Protein backbone atom coordinates (compact mmCIF):
# COMPACT_ATOMS: atom_id res chain seq x y z
CA MET A 1 72.97 96.92 116.34
CA THR A 2 74.61 94.33 114.17
CA ALA A 3 76.05 91.29 115.97
CA ARG A 4 79.80 90.82 115.45
CA PRO A 5 80.94 87.22 114.66
CA ALA A 6 83.17 85.91 117.38
CA ASN A 7 86.09 85.35 115.02
CA LYS A 8 86.25 88.92 113.62
CA PRO A 9 88.16 91.61 115.42
CA ARG A 10 86.30 94.60 116.84
CA GLY A 11 86.08 97.47 114.39
CA LEU A 12 86.58 95.28 111.32
CA ASN A 13 83.27 93.51 111.51
CA MET A 14 81.75 95.05 108.37
CA LYS A 15 84.77 94.79 106.10
CA ILE A 16 85.27 92.06 103.55
CA ALA A 17 88.55 93.48 102.28
CA LEU A 18 91.41 94.91 104.31
CA SER A 19 94.23 97.26 103.51
CA ILE A 20 97.74 95.95 104.30
CA LYS A 21 97.74 98.01 107.54
CA GLU A 22 94.29 96.66 108.60
CA ALA A 23 95.32 93.10 107.70
CA ALA A 24 98.45 93.53 109.84
CA GLU A 25 96.40 94.75 112.75
CA ALA A 26 93.82 91.98 112.34
CA SER A 27 96.39 89.17 112.06
CA SER A 28 99.30 90.41 114.21
CA PHE A 29 101.60 89.92 111.24
CA GLY A 30 103.82 92.83 110.37
CA GLU A 31 103.16 94.77 107.17
CA ARG A 32 106.51 93.56 105.71
CA THR A 33 105.61 90.00 106.45
CA LEU A 34 102.26 90.40 104.72
CA TRP A 35 103.99 91.92 101.66
CA ARG A 36 106.40 88.92 101.51
CA LYS A 37 103.48 86.46 101.77
CA ILE A 38 101.61 88.28 99.00
CA LYS A 39 104.70 88.32 96.80
CA SER A 40 105.33 84.62 97.34
CA GLY A 41 101.65 83.77 96.62
CA GLU A 42 100.90 82.49 100.13
CA ILE A 43 98.18 85.14 100.60
CA PRO A 44 96.21 86.33 97.60
CA ALA A 45 95.74 90.06 97.17
CA ARG A 46 93.64 92.32 94.98
CA LYS A 47 94.52 95.66 93.45
CA ASP A 48 92.13 98.62 93.22
CA GLY A 49 94.13 101.32 91.45
CA GLY A 50 97.24 101.76 93.57
CA ARG A 51 95.68 100.19 96.63
CA THR A 52 96.32 96.60 97.66
CA LEU A 53 93.56 94.73 99.39
CA ILE A 54 93.41 91.31 101.10
CA LEU A 55 90.05 89.68 101.46
CA TYR A 56 89.27 88.89 105.08
CA LYS A 57 88.31 85.36 104.16
CA ASP A 58 91.72 84.75 102.43
CA LEU A 59 93.61 86.06 105.46
CA GLU A 60 91.49 83.99 107.79
CA ALA A 61 91.95 80.83 105.62
CA TYR A 62 95.74 81.32 105.58
CA ILE A 63 95.86 81.67 109.39
CA GLU A 64 93.55 78.68 109.95
CA ALA A 65 95.78 76.56 107.70
CA LEU A 66 98.92 77.26 109.82
CA PRO A 67 100.00 74.32 111.97
CA ALA A 68 98.90 74.35 115.60
CA SER A 69 101.62 74.82 118.16
C-alpha cells in the first residue's frame, strides 16, 4: 500500500496532472473560476489534444501563495 502525503486529497494521490473537474474538486474552486484563473495566467495549464490539464504542484503553489485569512 502506498502512503498518501498528508497534503494530497484522497483518491488523487497518484496524479501529477488534474483535469479541470478534478482540480475543482481538489481545490474547492468552481470550474468557471479555474477557467478564469487559467485565462488570466494566474494558474498555468497544459493542453493534451483537446484536454486541459493543471499540474497538481501548480495548483498547490497557487493556493499556498494566497494570503492567509
